[in-house]
Amino acid sequence: MVDPREESRRWLEQAQRDLDDASFCARGERHNLACFLCQQSAEKALKAYLYARGNPVVWGHSVEELCRQASQTEAEFESLRRKVGKLDRFYILTRYPNGLPGGLPSDSFDAGDSRQAMDLTREAIDFVAQRIGPPAT
């Protein structure tokens, strides 16, 4: 049996690393990848919270839906959901050309998108870390 606190910390640590990778991509003007990694990072942070609360299995990729699940335990996640749920738009559109009405994902996202995504992701990570503790370093 996996210790829920340890599993939670592993997920939160990976969330932070994904955010670091997003920053690296943004500096290299790979904004679509930066935005995608931000969505992934927030998703992992929310899963960290759910694991910390004893959920043995956490499924799904939607930041908004994971916030809804977390709000069943802690109502404050509802306000977070209204902010960071926007990251879900970066899950498909940033990677697949058929998710857009023309063009390429690599040409469809800019520095403003990366900045917004990173800000929202930092907020999600900080929100979770305040509740479960920071990842081990």
C-alpha atoms as a PDB file:
ATOM      1  CA  MET A   1       0.000   0.000   0.000  1.00  0.00           C
ATOM      2  CA  VAL A   2       1.335   3.406  -1.005  1.00  0.00           C
ATOM      3  CA  ASP A   3       1.540   6.060   1.694  1.00  0.00           C
ATOM      4  CA  PRO A   4      -0.918   8.839   0.645  1.00  0.00           C
ATOM      5  CA  ARG A   5       1.367  11.609   1.929  1.00  0.00           C
ATOM      6  CA  GLU A   6       4.343  10.278  -0.017  1.00  0.00           C
ATOM      7  CA  GLU A   7       2.282   9.811  -3.169  1.00  0.00           C
ATOM      8  CA  SER A   8       0.945  13.323  -2.771  1.00  0.00           C
ATOM      9  CA  ARG A   9       4.417  14.801  -2.428  1.00  0.00           C
ATOM     10  CA  ARG A  10       5.605  12.925  -5.538  1.00  0.00           C
ATOM     11  CA  TRP A  11       2.759  14.417  -7.574  1.00  0.00           C
ATOM     12  CA  LEU A  12       3.350  17.903  -6.204  1.00  0.00           C
ATOM     13  CA  GLU A  13       7.071  17.686  -6.923  1.00  0.00           C
ATOM     14  CA  GLN A  14       6.367  16.640 -10.523  1.00  0.00           C
ATOM     15  CA  ALA A  15       3.876  19.512 -10.826  1.00  0.00           C
ATOM     16  CA  GLN A  16       6.640  21.939  -9.857  1.00  0.00           C
ATOM     17  CA  ARG A  17       9.055  20.373 -12.325  1.00  0.00           C
ATOM     18  CA  ASP A  18       6.470  20.623 -15.107  1.00  0.00           C
ATOM     19  CA  LEU A  19       6.062  24.318 -14.296  1.00  0.00           C
ATOM     20  CA  ASP A  20       9.846  24.735 -14.480  1.00  0.00           C
ATOM     21  CA  ASP A  21       9.800  23.011 -17.876  1.00  0.00           C
ATOM     22  CA  ALA A  22       6.990  25.319 -18.996  1.00  0.00           C
ATOM     23  CA  SER A  23       9.139  28.316 -18.101  1.00  0.00           C
ATOM     24  CA  PHE A  24      12.018  26.851 -20.102  1.00  0.00           C
ATOM     25  CA  CYS A  25       9.734  26.357 -23.132  1.00  0.00           C
ATOM     26  CA  ALA A  26       8.375  29.897 -22.850  1.00  0.00           C
ATOM     27  CA  ARG A  27      11.895  31.339 -22.857  1.00  0.00           C
ATOM     28  CA  GLY A  28      12.494  29.372 -26.060  1.00  0.00           C
ATOM     29  CA  GLU A  29       9.253  30.767 -27.537  1.00  0.00           C
ATOM     30  CA  ARG A  30       7.605  27.344 -27.544  1.00  0.00           C
ATOM     31  CA  HIS A  31       4.462  28.867 -26.097  1.00  0.00           C
ATOM     32  CA  ASN A  32       2.101  26.073 -27.070  1.00  0.00           C
ATOM     33  CA  LEU A  33       4.247  23.587 -25.139  1.00  0.00           C
ATOM     34  CA  ALA A  34       4.593  25.974 -22.202  1.00  0.00           C
ATOM     35  CA  CYS A  35       0.822  26.274 -22.007  1.00  0.00           C
ATOM     36  CA  PHE A  36       0.336  22.514 -22.248  1.00  0.00           C
ATOM     37  CA  LEU A  37       2.898  21.878 -19.502  1.00  0.00           C
ATOM     38  CA  CYS A  38       1.117  24.411 -17.313  1.00  0.00           C
ATOM     39  CA  GLN A  39      -2.146  22.530 -17.708  1.00  0.00           C
ATOM     40  CA  GLN A  40      -0.338  19.305 -16.848  1.00  0.00           C
ATOM     41  CA  SER A  41       1.328  20.917 -13.850  1.00  0.00           C
ATOM     42  CA  ALA A  42      -1.932  22.208 -12.392  1.00  0.00           C
ATOM     43  CA  GLU A  43      -3.547  18.833 -13.020  1.00  0.00           C
ATOM     44  CA  LYS A  44      -0.768  17.081 -11.095  1.00  0.00           C
ATOM     45  CA  ALA A  45      -0.945  19.565  -8.221  1.00  0.00           C
ATOM     46  CA  LEU A  46      -4.664  18.921  -7.853  1.00  0.00           C
ATOM     47  CA  LYS A  47      -4.098  15.189  -7.988  1.00  0.00           C
ATOM     48  CA  ALA A  48      -1.501  15.647  -5.240  1.00  0.00           C
ATOM     49  CA  TYR A  49      -4.188  17.192  -3.063  1.00  0.00           C
ATOM     50  CA  LEU A  50      -6.644  14.386  -3.775  1.00  0.00           C
ATOM     51  CA  TYR A  51      -4.015  11.740  -3.005  1.00  0.00           C
ATOM     52  CA  ALA A  52      -3.164  13.552   0.242  1.00  0.00           C
ATOM     53  CA  ARG A  53      -6.809  13.303   1.222  1.00  0.00           C
ATOM     54  CA  GLY A  54      -6.680   9.536   0.906  1.00  0.00           C
ATOM     55  CA  ASN A  55      -8.108   8.955  -2.561  1.00  0.00           C
ATOM     56  CA  PRO A  56      -6.505   5.674  -3.639  1.00  0.00           C
ATOM     57  CA  VAL A  57      -7.042   6.343  -7.361  1.00  0.00           C
ATOM     58  CA  VAL A  58      -7.411   9.713  -9.038  1.00  0.00           C
ATOM     59  CA  TRP A  59      -8.595   9.802 -12.648  1.00  0.00           C
ATOM     60  CA  GLY A  60      -9.128  12.557 -15.143  1.00  0.00           C
ATOM     61  CA  HIS A  61      -7.240  15.323 -16.859  1.00  0.00           C
ATOM     62  CA  SER A  62      -9.535  18.306 -16.437  1.00  0.00           C
ATOM     63  CA  VAL A  63      -8.230  20.918 -14.019  1.00  0.00           C
ATOM     64  CA  GLU A  64     -11.755  22.194 -13.581  1.00  0.00           C
ATOM     65  CA  GLU A  65     -13.139  18.744 -12.774  1.00  0.00           C
ATOM     66  CA  LEU A  66     -10.297  17.950 -10.372  1.00  0.00           C
ATOM     67  CA  CYS A  67     -11.055  21.223  -8.562  1.00  0.00           C
ATOM     68  CA  ARG A  68     -14.692  20.125  -8.321  1.00  0.00           C
ATOM     69  CA  GLN A  69     -13.603  16.845  -6.785  1.00  0.00           C
ATOM     70  CA  ALA A  70     -11.345  18.658  -4.320  1.00  0.00           C
ATOM     71  CA  SER A  71     -14.146  21.073  -3.402  1.00  0.00           C
ATOM     72  CA  GLN A  72     -16.117  18.122  -2.034  1.00  0.00           C
ATOM     73  CA  THR A  73     -13.477  17.974   0.697  1.00  0.00           C
ATOM     74  CA  GLU A  74     -12.644  21.671   0.929  1.00  0.00           C
ATOM     75  CA  ALA A  75     -15.046  24.323  -0.380  1.00  0.00           C
ATOM     76  CA  GLU A  76     -12.264  26.844  -1.150  1.00  0.00           C
ATOM     77  CA  PHE A  77     -11.367  24.808  -4.223  1.00  0.00           C
ATOM     78  CA  GLU A  78     -14.516  26.170  -5.859  1.00  0.00           C
ATOM     79  CA  SER A  79     -12.993  29.657  -6.058  1.00  0.00           C
ATOM     80  CA  LEU A  80      -9.758  28.156  -7.386  1.00  0.00           C
ATOM     81  CA  ARG A  81     -11.771  26.261 -10.012  1.00  0.00           C
ATOM     82  CA  ARG A  82     -13.239  29.506 -11.367  1.00  0.00           C
ATOM     83  CA  LYS A  83      -9.707  30.839 -11.909  1.00  0.00           C
ATOM     84  CA  VAL A  84      -7.564  27.903 -12.987  1.00  0.00           C
ATOM     85  CA  GLY A  85     -10.227  25.986 -14.902  1.00  0.00           C
ATOM     86  CA  LYS A  86      -9.153  28.131 -17.864  1.00  0.00           C
ATOM     87  CA  LEU A  87      -6.055  25.976 -18.144  1.00  0.00           C
ATOM     88  CA  ASP A  88      -8.152  23.158 -19.610  1.00  0.00           C
ATOM     89  CA  ARG A  89      -8.196  24.935 -22.965  1.00  0.00           C
ATOM     90  CA  PHE A  90      -4.485  24.158 -23.216  1.00  0.00           C
ATOM     91  CA  TYR A  91      -4.922  20.385 -22.983  1.00  0.00           C
ATOM     92  CA  ILE A  92      -5.834  19.607 -26.618  1.00  0.00           C
ATOM     93  CA  LEU A  93      -5.493  22.852 -28.579  1.00  0.00           C
ATOM     94  CA  THR A  94      -1.797  23.253 -27.803  1.00  0.00           C
ATOM     95  CA  ARG A  95      -0.879  19.897 -29.333  1.00  0.00           C
ATOM     96  CA  TYR A  96      -3.209  18.805 -32.116  1.00  0.00           C
ATOM     97  CA  PRO A  97      -3.685  20.690 -35.405  1.00  0.00           C
ATOM     98  CA  ASN A  98      -7.220  19.322 -35.770  1.00  0.00           C
ATOM     99  CA  GLY A  99      -8.161  21.028 -32.496  1.00  0.00           C
ATOM    100  CA  LEU A 100      -7.902  24.384 -34.247  1.00  0.00           C
ATOM    101  CA  PRO A 101      -9.884  25.769 -37.182  1.00  0.00           C
ATOM    102  CA  GLY A 102      -6.673  26.170 -39.202  1.00  0.00           C
ATOM    103  CA  GLY A 103      -2.992  26.681 -38.647  1.00  0.00           C
ATOM    104  CA  LEU A 104      -0.743  24.956 -36.179  1.00  0.00           C
ATOM    105  CA  PRO A 105      -0.680  24.906 -32.398  1.00  0.00           C
ATOM    106  CA  SER A 106       2.928  26.087 -32.527  1.00  0.00           C
ATOM    107  CA  ASP A 107       1.750  29.301 -34.244  1.00  0.00           C
ATOM    108  CA  SER A 108      -1.412  29.856 -32.207  1.00  0.00           C
ATOM    109  CA  PHE A 109      -0.074  30.676 -28.734  1.00  0.00           C
ATOM    110  CA  ASP A 110       2.083  33.593 -27.650  1.00  0.00           C
ATOM    111  CA  ALA A 111       4.031  34.970 -24.706  1.00  0.00           C
ATOM    112  CA  GLY A 112       0.876  36.387 -23.164  1.00  0.00           C
ATOM    113  CA  ASP A 113      -0.697  32.945 -23.171  1.00  0.00           C
ATOM    114  CA  SER A 114       2.419  31.467 -21.539  1.00  0.00           C
ATOM    115  CA  ARG A 115       2.518  34.161 -18.849  1.00  0.00           C
ATOM    116  CA  GLN A 116      -1.159  33.744 -18.022  1.00  0.00           C
ATOM    117  CA  ALA A 117      -0.834  29.956 -17.907  1.00  0.00           C
ATOM    118  CA  MET A 118       2.228  30.109 -15.655  1.00  0.00           C
ATOM    119  CA  ASP A 119       0.560  32.583 -13.291  1.00  0.00           C
ATOM    120  CA  LEU A 120      -2.543  30.410 -12.975  1.00  0.00           C
ATOM    121  CA  THR A 121      -0.433  27.301 -12.483  1.00  0.00           C
ATOM    122  CA  ARG A 122       1.661  28.915  -9.758  1.00  0.00           C
ATOM    123  CA  GLU A 123      -1.570  29.847  -8.030  1.00  0.00           C
ATOM    124  CA  ALA A 124      -2.802  26.244  -8.199  1.00  0.00           C
ATOM    125  CA  ILE A 125       0.503  24.828  -6.912  1.00  0.00           C
ATOM    126  CA  ASP A 126       0.697  27.356  -4.080  1.00  0.00           C
ATOM    127  CA  PHE A 127      -2.936  26.706  -3.148  1.00  0.00           C
ATOM    128  CA  VAL A 128      -2.299  22.970  -2.894  1.00  0.00           C
ATOM    129  CA  ALA A 129       1.092  23.335  -1.183  1.00  0.00           C
ATOM    130  CA  GLN A 130      -0.512  25.484   1.543  1.00  0.00           C
ATOM    131  CA  ARG A 131      -2.818  22.570   2.286  1.00  0.00           C
ATOM    132  CA  ILE A 132      -0.469  19.615   2.054  1.00  0.00           C
ATOM    133  CA  GLY A 133       2.987  21.144   2.478  1.00  0.00           C
ATOM    134  CA  PRO A 134       5.625  21.895  -0.145  1.00  0.00           C
ATOM    135  CA  PRO A 135       7.195  19.146  -2.234  1.00  0.00           C
ATOM    136  CA  ALA A 136      10.381  17.590  -0.917  1.00  0.00           C
ATOM    137  CA  THR A 137      13.516  19.122  -2.372  1.00  0.00           C
END
